[in-house]
Amino acid sequence: MIVGGDVGGTKTLLGLFDAGPPEEERHARPRIVATHSYATSAYGSIGEILDEFRRAIGRPLSVQAAAIGVAGPVKGNAAKLTNVSWDISASEIAAGLGTTRVQVLNDLEAMANSVEVLTSDEMCVLQPGAPRADGSAAVIAAGTGLGQALLYRVAGRLQPLASEGGHADFAARTDREIELVRMLRERYGRAEVEQVLSGPGLVNLHRFTHRGGECDMLAGVAEADAPPRITQAGLGGRCQQCADALRMFVSAYGAEAGNLALRGMATSGLYVGGGIAPKILPALQTGQFMDAFLAKEPLRELLEQVPVKVILNPEAGLLGAAIHAQELAGRPA
């Protein structure tokens, strides 16, 4: 058996999978046996969650390999989570699962592993494009934070490369976004992409569109619960400033996705993952996302050929981690 994991700022998913197909099919989709979800902040470490996971499985585990995607930069097979005060190391995971074949991955690197095995009903096409079989790809995912990863074509396969692009500077495109940058700088000292494109980023946009006034939709609501309230109010038209914040979010999301597609020459596809995109899918389908994605003259024609797809499978990161674990299990000891 193999174990995949997806550790985010809000929730952690762990899954037990079959060890995988024979060598020549090593990159096929692993078969899931069991998954369990945990509220990340309710635990003090990944070790505590692994203890819960073993108890939930209810039988002794013989784990050949494990790969865990984490929301933070990975160095030396260890990571410090960006939005949770945790350190995660391969040695801690190895002790918890009883295997020496362990890899800690950036969460978007893990998610990127899944794009070649996702089925058509697990994605929503925003632009069909004209994918190149020899091209590279990219993944962008807004959730508790913002993640980005590139996928380079090597020997016919897409190989993910992690990044911390969500913490790059936010690029204002309009006078209004310049005003937003000023607000973010006053609040945080600098304006980074994640402060706009994430759950907390949507709250920042809400603050911006409600300056000088209060929103009844958020009365008595904790900040962690605010993004879905803003989304619901915006999609339902119950608050015009919330709708305005959501429109700003969608436009900025499309623009940043276009930036990433250009940086990685993603002629095989640009994939939009994360927890937010499926929840705001009607807003992504209005055309505003793609208008911003394509507004990159003189390279609009290039971007019109890039397939753009929203990942609907909420366990794509877990699946991608399992794919990596499957590869680890097949390597010589």
C-alpha atoms as a PDB file:
ATOM      1  CA  MET A   1       0.000   0.000   0.000  1.00  0.00           C
ATOM      2  CA  ILE A   2       0.995   3.641  -0.408  1.00  0.00           C
ATOM      3  CA  VAL A   3      -0.124   6.813   1.386  1.00  0.00           C
ATOM      4  CA  GLY A   4      -0.802  10.211  -0.127  1.00  0.00           C
ATOM      5  CA  GLY A   5      -1.443  13.384   1.811  1.00  0.00           C
ATOM      6  CA  ASP A   6      -2.520  16.963   1.194  1.00  0.00           C
ATOM      7  CA  VAL A   7      -1.849  19.305   4.119  1.00  0.00           C
ATOM      8  CA  GLY A   8      -3.492  22.707   3.745  1.00  0.00           C
ATOM      9  CA  GLY A   9      -4.035  25.654   6.008  1.00  0.00           C
ATOM     10  CA  THR A  10      -7.666  24.654   6.581  1.00  0.00           C
ATOM     11  CA  LYS A  11      -7.858  20.889   6.172  1.00  0.00           C
ATOM     12  CA  THR A  12      -5.620  17.871   5.782  1.00  0.00           C
ATOM     13  CA  LEU A  13      -6.495  14.896   3.586  1.00  0.00           C
ATOM     14  CA  LEU A  14      -4.802  11.530   3.961  1.00  0.00           C
ATOM     15  CA  GLY A  15      -5.455   8.590   1.686  1.00  0.00           C
ATOM     16  CA  LEU A  16      -4.519   4.927   1.517  1.00  0.00           C
ATOM     17  CA  PHE A  17      -4.027   3.613  -2.033  1.00  0.00           C
ATOM     18  CA  ASP A  18      -3.111   0.376  -3.733  1.00  0.00           C
ATOM     19  CA  ALA A  19       0.624   0.204  -4.356  1.00  0.00           C
ATOM     20  CA  GLY A  20       0.117   0.640  -8.077  1.00  0.00           C
ATOM     21  CA  PRO A  21       0.342  -1.101 -11.424  1.00  0.00           C
ATOM     22  CA  PRO A  22       3.391  -2.838 -12.859  1.00  0.00           C
ATOM     23  CA  GLU A  23       6.517  -0.916 -13.853  1.00  0.00           C
ATOM     24  CA  GLU A  24       5.465  -0.054 -17.387  1.00  0.00           C
ATOM     25  CA  GLU A  25       2.260   1.583 -16.068  1.00  0.00           C
ATOM     26  CA  ARG A  26       3.890   3.303 -13.085  1.00  0.00           C
ATOM     27  CA  HIS A  27       2.257   6.658 -13.829  1.00  0.00           C
ATOM     28  CA  ALA A  28      -1.290   5.350 -14.061  1.00  0.00           C
ATOM     29  CA  ARG A  29      -3.925   6.544 -11.620  1.00  0.00           C
ATOM     30  CA  PRO A  30      -3.608   4.836  -8.216  1.00  0.00           C
ATOM     31  CA  ARG A  31      -6.696   3.092  -6.836  1.00  0.00           C
ATOM     32  CA  ILE A  32      -7.971   4.653  -3.648  1.00  0.00           C
ATOM     33  CA  VAL A  33      -8.758   2.401  -0.676  1.00  0.00           C
ATOM     34  CA  ALA A  34      -9.707   4.944   2.003  1.00  0.00           C
ATOM     35  CA  THR A  35      -9.521   8.703   2.640  1.00  0.00           C
ATOM     36  CA  HIS A  36      -9.917  10.736   5.791  1.00  0.00           C
ATOM     37  CA  SER A  37     -10.171  14.485   6.321  1.00  0.00           C
ATOM     38  CA  TYR A  38      -8.940  16.450   9.339  1.00  0.00           C
ATOM     39  CA  ALA A  39      -9.194  20.098  10.431  1.00  0.00           C
ATOM     40  CA  THR A  40      -5.534  21.088  10.304  1.00  0.00           C
ATOM     41  CA  SER A  41      -5.669  23.667  13.103  1.00  0.00           C
ATOM     42  CA  ALA A  42      -7.223  21.122  15.489  1.00  0.00           C
ATOM     43  CA  TYR A  43      -3.893  19.247  15.650  1.00  0.00           C
ATOM     44  CA  GLY A  44      -0.454  20.211  16.818  1.00  0.00           C
ATOM     45  CA  SER A  45       1.528  18.260  14.238  1.00  0.00           C
ATOM     46  CA  ILE A  46       1.334  15.909  11.280  1.00  0.00           C
ATOM     47  CA  GLY A  47       2.302  13.136  13.684  1.00  0.00           C
ATOM     48  CA  GLU A  48      -0.947  13.583  15.616  1.00  0.00           C
ATOM     49  CA  ILE A  49      -2.954  13.359  12.397  1.00  0.00           C
ATOM     50  CA  LEU A  50      -1.061  10.241  11.307  1.00  0.00           C
ATOM     51  CA  ASP A  51      -1.975   8.631  14.641  1.00  0.00           C
ATOM     52  CA  GLU A  52      -5.649   9.408  13.982  1.00  0.00           C
ATOM     53  CA  PHE A  53      -5.313   8.100  10.431  1.00  0.00           C
ATOM     54  CA  ARG A  54      -3.887   4.757  11.542  1.00  0.00           C
ATOM     55  CA  ARG A  55      -6.687   4.361  14.073  1.00  0.00           C
ATOM     56  CA  ALA A  56      -9.289   5.221  11.423  1.00  0.00           C
ATOM     57  CA  ILE A  57      -7.926   2.569   9.035  1.00  0.00           C
ATOM     58  CA  GLY A  58      -8.444   0.046  11.811  1.00  0.00           C
ATOM     59  CA  ARG A  59      -5.862  -2.505  10.758  1.00  0.00           C
ATOM     60  CA  PRO A  60      -2.062  -2.791  10.640  1.00  0.00           C
ATOM     61  CA  LEU A  61      -0.529  -0.878   7.745  1.00  0.00           C
ATOM     62  CA  SER A  62       2.258  -2.099   5.515  1.00  0.00           C
ATOM     63  CA  VAL A  63       3.199   1.103   3.691  1.00  0.00           C
ATOM     64  CA  GLN A  64       5.675   0.917   0.816  1.00  0.00           C
ATOM     65  CA  ALA A  65       5.970   4.675   0.288  1.00  0.00           C
ATOM     66  CA  ALA A  66       4.333   7.976   1.208  1.00  0.00           C
ATOM     67  CA  ALA A  67       4.218  11.449  -0.309  1.00  0.00           C
ATOM     68  CA  ILE A  68       2.688  14.431   1.462  1.00  0.00           C
ATOM     69  CA  GLY A  69       1.933  17.747  -0.216  1.00  0.00           C
ATOM     70  CA  VAL A  70       2.176  20.747   2.105  1.00  0.00           C
ATOM     71  CA  ALA A  71       1.220  24.393   1.735  1.00  0.00           C
ATOM     72  CA  GLY A  72       4.667  25.914   2.082  1.00  0.00           C
ATOM     73  CA  PRO A  73       8.210  25.896   0.709  1.00  0.00           C
ATOM     74  CA  VAL A  74       9.995  22.533   0.867  1.00  0.00           C
ATOM     75  CA  LYS A  75      13.716  22.332   1.574  1.00  0.00           C
ATOM     76  CA  GLY A  76      15.687  19.199   2.411  1.00  0.00           C
ATOM     77  CA  ASN A  77      12.562  16.996   2.473  1.00  0.00           C
ATOM     78  CA  ALA A  78      11.023  19.196   5.175  1.00  0.00           C
ATOM     79  CA  ALA A  79       8.728  22.197   5.214  1.00  0.00           C
ATOM     80  CA  LYS A  80       7.353  24.976   7.375  1.00  0.00           C
ATOM     81  CA  LEU A  81       3.714  25.640   6.574  1.00  0.00           C
ATOM     82  CA  THR A  82       2.953  29.207   5.537  1.00  0.00           C
ATOM     83  CA  ASN A  83      -0.469  29.629   7.158  1.00  0.00           C
ATOM     84  CA  VAL A  84      -0.144  27.165  10.065  1.00  0.00           C
ATOM     85  CA  SER A  85       2.575  27.085  12.726  1.00  0.00           C
ATOM     86  CA  TRP A  86       3.755  23.586  11.828  1.00  0.00           C
ATOM     87  CA  ASP A  87       7.029  22.068  10.717  1.00  0.00           C
ATOM     88  CA  ILE A  88       6.752  18.841   8.706  1.00  0.00           C
ATOM     89  CA  SER A  89       9.656  16.502   7.994  1.00  0.00           C
ATOM     90  CA  ALA A  90      10.060  13.250   6.119  1.00  0.00           C
ATOM     91  CA  SER A  91      11.512  11.665   9.246  1.00  0.00           C
ATOM     92  CA  GLU A  92       8.334  12.432  11.244  1.00  0.00           C
ATOM     93  CA  ILE A  93       6.160  10.954   8.495  1.00  0.00           C
ATOM     94  CA  ALA A  94       8.437   7.918   8.205  1.00  0.00           C
ATOM     95  CA  ALA A  95       8.126   7.291  11.942  1.00  0.00           C
ATOM     96  CA  GLY A  96       4.352   7.619  11.765  1.00  0.00           C
ATOM     97  CA  LEU A  97       3.893   5.249   8.821  1.00  0.00           C
ATOM     98  CA  GLY A  98       6.801   2.837   9.192  1.00  0.00           C
ATOM     99  CA  THR A  99       8.412   3.403   5.796  1.00  0.00           C
ATOM    100  CA  THR A 100      11.676   5.011   4.746  1.00  0.00           C
ATOM    101  CA  ARG A 101      10.383   5.985   1.306  1.00  0.00           C
ATOM    102  CA  VAL A 102       8.872   9.356   2.089  1.00  0.00           C
ATOM    103  CA  GLN A 103       8.778  12.601   0.128  1.00  0.00           C
ATOM    104  CA  VAL A 104       7.513  15.993   1.285  1.00  0.00           C
ATOM    105  CA  LEU A 105       6.193  18.011  -1.667  1.00  0.00           C
ATOM    106  CA  ASN A 106       4.884  21.507  -2.126  1.00  0.00           C
ATOM    107  CA  ASP A 107       1.080  21.189  -2.323  1.00  0.00           C
ATOM    108  CA  LEU A 108       0.902  22.592  -5.860  1.00  0.00           C
ATOM    109  CA  GLU A 109       3.696  20.276  -6.987  1.00  0.00           C
ATOM    110  CA  ALA A 110       1.540  17.426  -5.674  1.00  0.00           C
ATOM    111  CA  MET A 111      -1.610  18.735  -7.373  1.00  0.00           C
ATOM    112  CA  ALA A 112       0.282  19.184 -10.638  1.00  0.00           C
ATOM    113  CA  ASN A 113       1.062  15.456 -10.643  1.00  0.00           C
ATOM    114  CA  SER A 114      -2.650  14.740 -11.079  1.00  0.00           C
ATOM    115  CA  VAL A 115      -3.424  16.723 -14.241  1.00  0.00           C
ATOM    116  CA  GLU A 116      -2.499  13.957 -16.683  1.00  0.00           C
ATOM    117  CA  VAL A 117      -4.834  11.423 -15.047  1.00  0.00           C
ATOM    118  CA  LEU A 118      -7.887  13.602 -14.344  1.00  0.00           C
ATOM    119  CA  THR A 119     -10.954  12.657 -16.385  1.00  0.00           C
ATOM    120  CA  SER A 120     -13.083  15.051 -18.424  1.00  0.00           C
ATOM    121  CA  ASP A 121     -15.858  15.068 -15.818  1.00  0.00           C
ATOM    122  CA  GLU A 122     -13.341  16.170 -13.181  1.00  0.00           C
ATOM    123  CA  MET A 123     -12.629  19.411 -15.068  1.00  0.00           C
ATOM    124  CA  CYS A 124     -14.604  22.314 -16.489  1.00  0.00           C
ATOM    125  CA  VAL A 125     -13.287  23.825 -19.723  1.00  0.00           C
ATOM    126  CA  LEU A 126     -13.100  27.629 -19.820  1.00  0.00           C
ATOM    127  CA  GLN A 127     -11.169  27.648 -23.105  1.00  0.00           C
ATOM    128  CA  PRO A 128     -10.559  24.546 -25.252  1.00  0.00           C
ATOM    129  CA  GLY A 129      -7.500  26.042 -26.954  1.00  0.00           C
ATOM    130  CA  ALA A 130      -5.273  23.891 -29.119  1.00  0.00           C
ATOM    131  CA  PRO A 131      -3.038  21.871 -26.771  1.00  0.00           C
ATOM    132  CA  ARG A 132       0.447  20.922 -27.925  1.00  0.00           C
ATOM    133  CA  ALA A 133       1.529  17.372 -27.171  1.00  0.00           C
ATOM    134  CA  ASP A 134       5.113  18.595 -26.736  1.00  0.00           C
ATOM    135  CA  GLY A 135       4.197  21.621 -24.607  1.00  0.00           C
ATOM    136  CA  SER A 136       4.480  22.492 -20.952  1.00  0.00           C
ATOM    137  CA  ALA A 137       1.634  23.297 -18.542  1.00  0.00           C
ATOM    138  CA  ALA A 138       0.907  25.181 -15.316  1.00  0.00           C
ATOM    139  CA  VAL A 139      -1.375  25.032 -12.298  1.00  0.00           C
ATOM    140  CA  ILE A 140      -2.697  27.931 -10.212  1.00  0.00           C
ATOM    141  CA  ALA A 141      -4.848  27.350  -7.123  1.00  0.00           C
ATOM    142  CA  ALA A 142      -6.471  29.816  -4.752  1.00  0.00           C
ATOM    143  CA  GLY A 143      -7.700  28.561  -1.390  1.00  0.00           C
ATOM    144  CA  THR A 144      -6.502  29.455   2.088  1.00  0.00           C
ATOM    145  CA  GLY A 145      -3.436  30.736   0.210  1.00  0.00           C
ATOM    146  CA  LEU A 146      -2.399  30.910  -3.441  1.00  0.00           C
ATOM    147  CA  GLY A 147      -0.231  28.240  -5.012  1.00  0.00           C
ATOM    148  CA  GLN A 148       1.408  27.996  -8.416  1.00  0.00           C
ATOM    149  CA  ALA A 149       3.392  25.289 -10.171  1.00  0.00           C
ATOM    150  CA  LEU A 150       4.889  24.799 -13.607  1.00  0.00           C
ATOM    151  CA  LEU A 151       5.007  21.482 -15.461  1.00  0.00           C
ATOM    152  CA  TYR A 152       7.807  20.966 -17.958  1.00  0.00           C
ATOM    153  CA  ARG A 153       7.633  18.306 -20.648  1.00  0.00           C
ATOM    154  CA  VAL A 154      10.459  15.819 -20.125  1.00  0.00           C
ATOM    155  CA  ALA A 155      10.658  12.603 -22.197  1.00  0.00           C
ATOM    156  CA  GLY A 156       6.971  12.879 -23.021  1.00  0.00           C
ATOM    157  CA  ARG A 157       5.745  13.410 -19.447  1.00  0.00           C
ATOM    158  CA  LEU A 158       4.861  16.554 -17.532  1.00  0.00           C
ATOM    159  CA  GLN A 159       7.228  17.005 -14.592  1.00  0.00           C
ATOM    160  CA  PRO A 160       6.094  19.494 -11.916  1.00  0.00           C
ATOM    161  CA  LEU A 161       8.284  22.271 -10.578  1.00  0.00           C
ATOM    162  CA  ALA A 162       7.191  23.870  -7.315  1.00  0.00           C
ATOM    163  CA  SER A 163       7.144  27.607  -6.747  1.00  0.00           C
ATOM    164  CA  GLU A 164       6.173  30.184  -4.154  1.00  0.00           C
ATOM    165  CA  GLY A 165       4.672  32.466  -6.786  1.00  0.00           C
ATOM    166  CA  GLY A 166       1.717  33.301  -4.562  1.00  0.00           C
ATOM    167  CA  HIS A 167       4.048  35.469  -2.501  1.00  0.00           C
ATOM    168  CA  ALA A 168       5.309  37.439  -5.497  1.00  0.00           C
ATOM    169  CA  ASP A 169       4.293  41.078  -5.854  1.00  0.00           C
ATOM    170  CA  PHE A 170       0.740  41.786  -6.988  1.00  0.00           C
ATOM    171  CA  ALA A 171       0.737  43.548 -10.368  1.00  0.00           C
ATOM    172  CA  ALA A 172      -1.936  46.263 -10.566  1.00  0.00           C
ATOM    173  CA  ARG A 173      -3.414  46.726 -14.050  1.00  0.00           C
ATOM    174  CA  THR A 174      -5.837  49.597 -13.486  1.00  0.00           C
ATOM    175  CA  ASP A 175      -6.061  52.815 -11.491  1.00  0.00           C
ATOM    176  CA  ARG A 176      -8.486  51.066  -9.167  1.00  0.00           C
ATOM    177  CA  GLU A 177      -6.094  48.183  -8.557  1.00  0.00           C
ATOM    178  CA  ILE A 178      -3.380  50.755  -7.819  1.00  0.00           C
ATOM    179  CA  GLU A 179      -5.685  52.051  -5.070  1.00  0.00           C
ATOM    180  CA  LEU A 180      -6.030  48.465  -3.836  1.00  0.00           C
ATOM    181  CA  VAL A 181      -2.248  48.128  -3.728  1.00  0.00           C
ATOM    182  CA  ARG A 182      -2.053  51.276  -1.595  1.00  0.00           C
ATOM    183  CA  MET A 183      -4.560  49.784   0.849  1.00  0.00           C
ATOM    184  CA  LEU A 184      -2.639  46.501   1.024  1.00  0.00           C
ATOM    185  CA  ARG A 185       0.664  48.296   1.565  1.00  0.00           C
ATOM    186  CA  GLU A 186      -0.852  50.287   4.413  1.00  0.00           C
ATOM    187  CA  ARG A 187      -2.126  47.098   6.013  1.00  0.00           C
ATOM    188  CA  TYR A 188       0.726  44.647   5.319  1.00  0.00           C
ATOM    189  CA  GLY A 189       3.758  46.686   4.250  1.00  0.00           C
ATOM    190  CA  ARG A 190       3.690  45.234   0.736  1.00  0.00           C
ATOM    191  CA  ALA A 191       1.131  43.901  -1.728  1.00  0.00           C
ATOM    192  CA  GLU A 192       1.539  40.262  -2.729  1.00  0.00           C
ATOM    193  CA  VAL A 193      -0.612  38.156  -5.018  1.00  0.00           C
ATOM    194  CA  GLU A 194      -1.912  35.950  -2.200  1.00  0.00           C
ATOM    195  CA  GLN A 195      -3.319  39.012  -0.414  1.00  0.00           C
ATOM    196  CA  VAL A 196      -5.757  39.324  -3.333  1.00  0.00           C
ATOM    197  CA  LEU A 197      -6.175  35.766  -4.647  1.00  0.00           C
ATOM    198  CA  SER A 198      -7.099  33.583  -1.667  1.00  0.00           C
ATOM    199  CA  GLY A 199      -9.846  33.334   0.928  1.00  0.00           C
ATOM    200  CA  PRO A 200      -8.226  36.080   3.028  1.00  0.00           C
ATOM    201  CA  GLY A 201      -7.592  37.944  -0.235  1.00  0.00           C
ATOM    202  CA  LEU A 202     -11.319  37.987  -0.959  1.00  0.00           C
ATOM    203  CA  VAL A 203     -11.811  39.503   2.495  1.00  0.00           C
ATOM    204  CA  ASN A 204      -9.256  42.193   1.573  1.00  0.00           C
ATOM    205  CA  LEU A 205     -11.210  42.939  -1.609  1.00  0.00           C
ATOM    206  CA  HIS A 206     -14.376  43.129   0.499  1.00  0.00           C
ATOM    207  CA  ARG A 207     -12.672  45.700   2.747  1.00  0.00           C
ATOM    208  CA  PHE A 208     -11.664  47.657  -0.335  1.00  0.00           C
ATOM    209  CA  THR A 209     -15.126  47.743  -1.907  1.00  0.00           C
ATOM    210  CA  HIS A 210     -16.793  48.560   1.431  1.00  0.00           C
ATOM    211  CA  ARG A 211     -14.487  51.386   2.499  1.00  0.00           C
ATOM    212  CA  GLY A 212     -16.570  53.934   4.340  1.00  0.00           C
ATOM    213  CA  GLY A 213     -19.403  51.491   5.005  1.00  0.00           C
ATOM    214  CA  GLU A 214     -20.302  48.239   6.721  1.00  0.00           C
ATOM    215  CA  CYS A 215     -21.701  45.030   5.207  1.00  0.00           C
ATOM    216  CA  ASP A 216     -24.643  43.417   6.982  1.00  0.00           C
ATOM    217  CA  MET A 217     -23.693  40.091   5.366  1.00  0.00           C
ATOM    218  CA  LEU A 218     -20.668  39.776   7.661  1.00  0.00           C
ATOM    219  CA  ALA A 219     -22.215  40.985  10.915  1.00  0.00           C
ATOM    220  CA  GLY A 220     -20.933  38.749  13.703  1.00  0.00           C
ATOM    221  CA  VAL A 221     -19.097  36.444  11.274  1.00  0.00           C
ATOM    222  CA  ALA A 222     -15.546  35.277  12.067  1.00  0.00           C
ATOM    223  CA  GLU A 223     -12.982  36.278   9.437  1.00  0.00           C
ATOM    224  CA  ALA A 224     -12.312  32.619   8.597  1.00  0.00           C
ATOM    225  CA  ASP A 225     -15.994  32.214   7.682  1.00  0.00           C
ATOM    226  CA  ALA A 226     -16.187  35.466   5.730  1.00  0.00           C
ATOM    227  CA  PRO A 227     -15.058  34.314   2.229  1.00  0.00           C
ATOM    228  CA  PRO A 228     -18.030  31.967   1.616  1.00  0.00           C
ATOM    229  CA  ARG A 229     -20.425  34.648   2.887  1.00  0.00           C
ATOM    230  CA  ILE A 230     -18.914  37.197   0.495  1.00  0.00           C
ATOM    231  CA  THR A 231     -19.107  34.688  -2.363  1.00  0.00           C
ATOM    232  CA  GLN A 232     -22.744  33.821  -1.669  1.00  0.00           C
ATOM    233  CA  ALA A 233     -23.731  37.491  -1.384  1.00  0.00           C
ATOM    234  CA  GLY A 234     -21.821  38.338  -4.556  1.00  0.00           C
ATOM    235  CA  LEU A 235     -23.164  35.470  -6.652  1.00  0.00           C
ATOM    236  CA  GLY A 236     -26.715  36.045  -5.408  1.00  0.00           C
ATOM    237  CA  GLY A 237     -26.630  39.792  -5.956  1.00  0.00           C
ATOM    238  CA  ARG A 238     -27.638  40.454  -2.352  1.00  0.00           C
ATOM    239  CA  CYS A 239     -24.817  42.960  -1.826  1.00  0.00           C
ATOM    240  CA  GLN A 240     -23.495  45.053  -4.689  1.00  0.00           C
ATOM    241  CA  GLN A 241     -20.169  45.717  -2.978  1.00  0.00           C
ATOM    242  CA  CYS A 242     -19.729  41.961  -2.404  1.00  0.00           C
ATOM    243  CA  ALA A 243     -20.509  41.391  -6.085  1.00  0.00           C
ATOM    244  CA  ASP A 244     -17.939  44.060  -6.924  1.00  0.00           C
ATOM    245  CA  ALA A 245     -15.332  42.342  -4.732  1.00  0.00           C
ATOM    246  CA  LEU A 246     -16.033  39.020  -6.448  1.00  0.00           C
ATOM    247  CA  ARG A 247     -15.698  40.615  -9.901  1.00  0.00           C
ATOM    248  CA  MET A 248     -12.341  42.121  -8.892  1.00  0.00           C
ATOM    249  CA  PHE A 249     -11.252  38.708  -7.624  1.00  0.00           C
ATOM    250  CA  VAL A 250     -12.227  36.911 -10.843  1.00  0.00           C
ATOM    251  CA  SER A 251     -10.518  39.493 -13.051  1.00  0.00           C
ATOM    252  CA  ALA A 252      -7.305  39.450 -10.993  1.00  0.00           C
ATOM    253  CA  TYR A 253      -7.393  35.635 -10.973  1.00  0.00           C
ATOM    254  CA  GLY A 254      -7.622  35.514 -14.766  1.00  0.00           C
ATOM    255  CA  ALA A 255      -4.816  38.042 -15.136  1.00  0.00           C
ATOM    256  CA  GLU A 256      -2.491  36.124 -12.820  1.00  0.00           C
ATOM    257  CA  ALA A 257      -3.353  32.836 -14.558  1.00  0.00           C
ATOM    258  CA  GLY A 258      -2.388  34.482 -17.863  1.00  0.00           C
ATOM    259  CA  ASN A 259       0.879  35.694 -16.333  1.00  0.00           C
ATOM    260  CA  LEU A 260       1.674  32.150 -15.196  1.00  0.00           C
ATOM    261  CA  ALA A 261       0.809  30.696 -18.606  1.00  0.00           C
ATOM    262  CA  LEU A 262       3.249  33.114 -20.215  1.00  0.00           C
ATOM    263  CA  ARG A 263       6.015  32.485 -17.691  1.00  0.00           C
ATOM    264  CA  GLY A 264       5.780  28.727 -18.215  1.00  0.00           C
ATOM    265  CA  MET A 265       4.816  28.736 -21.909  1.00  0.00           C
ATOM    266  CA  ALA A 266       1.916  26.513 -20.870  1.00  0.00           C
ATOM    267  CA  THR A 267       0.926  25.410 -24.367  1.00  0.00           C
ATOM    268  CA  SER A 268      -0.346  22.056 -23.032  1.00  0.00           C
ATOM    269  CA  GLY A 269      -2.747  23.715 -20.629  1.00  0.00           C
ATOM    270  CA  LEU A 270      -3.388  26.016 -17.691  1.00  0.00           C
ATOM    271  CA  TYR A 271      -5.236  24.330 -14.823  1.00  0.00           C
ATOM    272  CA  VAL A 272      -7.139  26.253 -12.139  1.00  0.00           C
ATOM    273  CA  GLY A 273      -7.240  24.253  -8.918  1.00  0.00           C
ATOM    274  CA  GLY A 274      -7.870  24.958  -5.249  1.00  0.00           C
ATOM    275  CA  GLY A 275     -10.982  25.162  -3.145  1.00  0.00           C
ATOM    276  CA  ILE A 276     -12.312  28.512  -4.353  1.00  0.00           C
ATOM    277  CA  ALA A 277     -12.648  27.949  -8.124  1.00  0.00           C
ATOM    278  CA  PRO A 278     -15.408  25.273  -8.012  1.00  0.00           C
ATOM    279  CA  LYS A 279     -17.376  27.410  -5.553  1.00  0.00           C
ATOM    280  CA  ILE A 280     -17.330  30.467  -7.840  1.00  0.00           C
ATOM    281  CA  LEU A 281     -17.594  28.564 -11.120  1.00  0.00           C
ATOM    282  CA  PRO A 282     -20.552  30.644 -12.409  1.00  0.00           C
ATOM    283  CA  ALA A 283     -18.453  33.791 -11.943  1.00  0.00           C
ATOM    284  CA  LEU A 284     -15.494  32.195 -13.748  1.00  0.00           C
ATOM    285  CA  GLN A 285     -17.761  31.303 -16.661  1.00  0.00           C
ATOM    286  CA  THR A 286     -19.024  34.857 -17.279  1.00  0.00           C
ATOM    287  CA  GLY A 287     -16.050  35.572 -19.534  1.00  0.00           C
ATOM    288  CA  GLN A 288     -14.380  38.023 -17.172  1.00  0.00           C
ATOM    289  CA  PHE A 289     -11.716  35.503 -16.146  1.00  0.00           C
ATOM    290  CA  MET A 290     -10.814  34.691 -19.736  1.00  0.00           C
ATOM    291  CA  ASP A 291     -10.892  38.352 -20.810  1.00  0.00           C
ATOM    292  CA  ALA A 292      -8.221  39.111 -18.217  1.00  0.00           C
ATOM    293  CA  PHE A 293      -6.307  35.928 -19.074  1.00  0.00           C
ATOM    294  CA  LEU A 294      -6.080  36.938 -22.750  1.00  0.00           C
ATOM    295  CA  ALA A 295      -5.357  40.644 -22.267  1.00  0.00           C
ATOM    296  CA  LYS A 296      -1.614  40.197 -22.836  1.00  0.00           C
ATOM    297  CA  GLU A 297      -0.858  41.922 -26.122  1.00  0.00           C
ATOM    298  CA  PRO A 298       1.201  41.248 -28.175  1.00  0.00           C
ATOM    299  CA  LEU A 299       0.809  37.588 -27.094  1.00  0.00           C
ATOM    300  CA  ARG A 300      -2.980  37.300 -27.051  1.00  0.00           C
ATOM    301  CA  GLU A 301      -2.926  34.892 -30.006  1.00  0.00           C
ATOM    302  CA  LEU A 302      -0.530  32.598 -28.158  1.00  0.00           C
ATOM    303  CA  LEU A 303      -2.783  32.543 -25.079  1.00  0.00           C
ATOM    304  CA  GLU A 304      -5.868  31.848 -27.195  1.00  0.00           C
ATOM    305  CA  GLN A 305      -4.276  28.463 -27.992  1.00  0.00           C
ATOM    306  CA  VAL A 306      -3.775  27.538 -24.316  1.00  0.00           C
ATOM    307  CA  PRO A 307      -6.441  25.168 -22.939  1.00  0.00           C
ATOM    308  CA  VAL A 308      -7.802  26.559 -19.664  1.00  0.00           C
ATOM    309  CA  LYS A 309      -9.561  24.132 -17.321  1.00  0.00           C
ATOM    310  CA  VAL A 310     -10.935  24.320 -13.785  1.00  0.00           C
ATOM    311  CA  ILE A 311     -10.149  21.259 -11.648  1.00  0.00           C
ATOM    312  CA  LEU A 312     -13.394  20.102 -10.023  1.00  0.00           C
ATOM    313  CA  ASN A 313     -11.999  17.111  -8.121  1.00  0.00           C
ATOM    314  CA  PRO A 314     -11.500  18.361  -4.528  1.00  0.00           C
ATOM    315  CA  GLU A 315      -8.943  15.600  -3.938  1.00  0.00           C
ATOM    316  CA  ALA A 316      -6.654  16.399  -6.883  1.00  0.00           C
ATOM    317  CA  GLY A 317      -3.811  17.299  -4.510  1.00  0.00           C
ATOM    318  CA  LEU A 318      -4.212  14.031  -2.629  1.00  0.00           C
ATOM    319  CA  LEU A 319      -4.315  12.092  -5.898  1.00  0.00           C
ATOM    320  CA  GLY A 320      -1.171  13.825  -7.149  1.00  0.00           C
ATOM    321  CA  ALA A 321       0.654  13.016  -3.917  1.00  0.00           C
ATOM    322  CA  ALA A 322      -0.374   9.363  -4.286  1.00  0.00           C
ATOM    323  CA  ILE A 323       0.979   9.332  -7.850  1.00  0.00           C
ATOM    324  CA  HIS A 324       4.330  10.503  -6.518  1.00  0.00           C
ATOM    325  CA  ALA A 325       4.223   7.892  -3.734  1.00  0.00           C
ATOM    326  CA  GLN A 326       3.489   5.259  -6.370  1.00  0.00           C
ATOM    327  CA  GLU A 327       6.637   6.304  -8.224  1.00  0.00           C
ATOM    328  CA  LEU A 328       8.640   6.164  -4.985  1.00  0.00           C
ATOM    329  CA  ALA A 329       7.388   2.642  -4.334  1.00  0.00           C
ATOM    330  CA  GLY A 330       8.684   1.536  -7.748  1.00  0.00           C
ATOM    331  CA  ARG A 331      12.201   2.922  -7.344  1.00  0.00           C
ATOM    332  CA  PRO A 332      15.087   0.687  -6.316  1.00  0.00           C
ATOM    333  CA  ALA A 333      15.755   0.792  -2.576  1.00  0.00           C
END
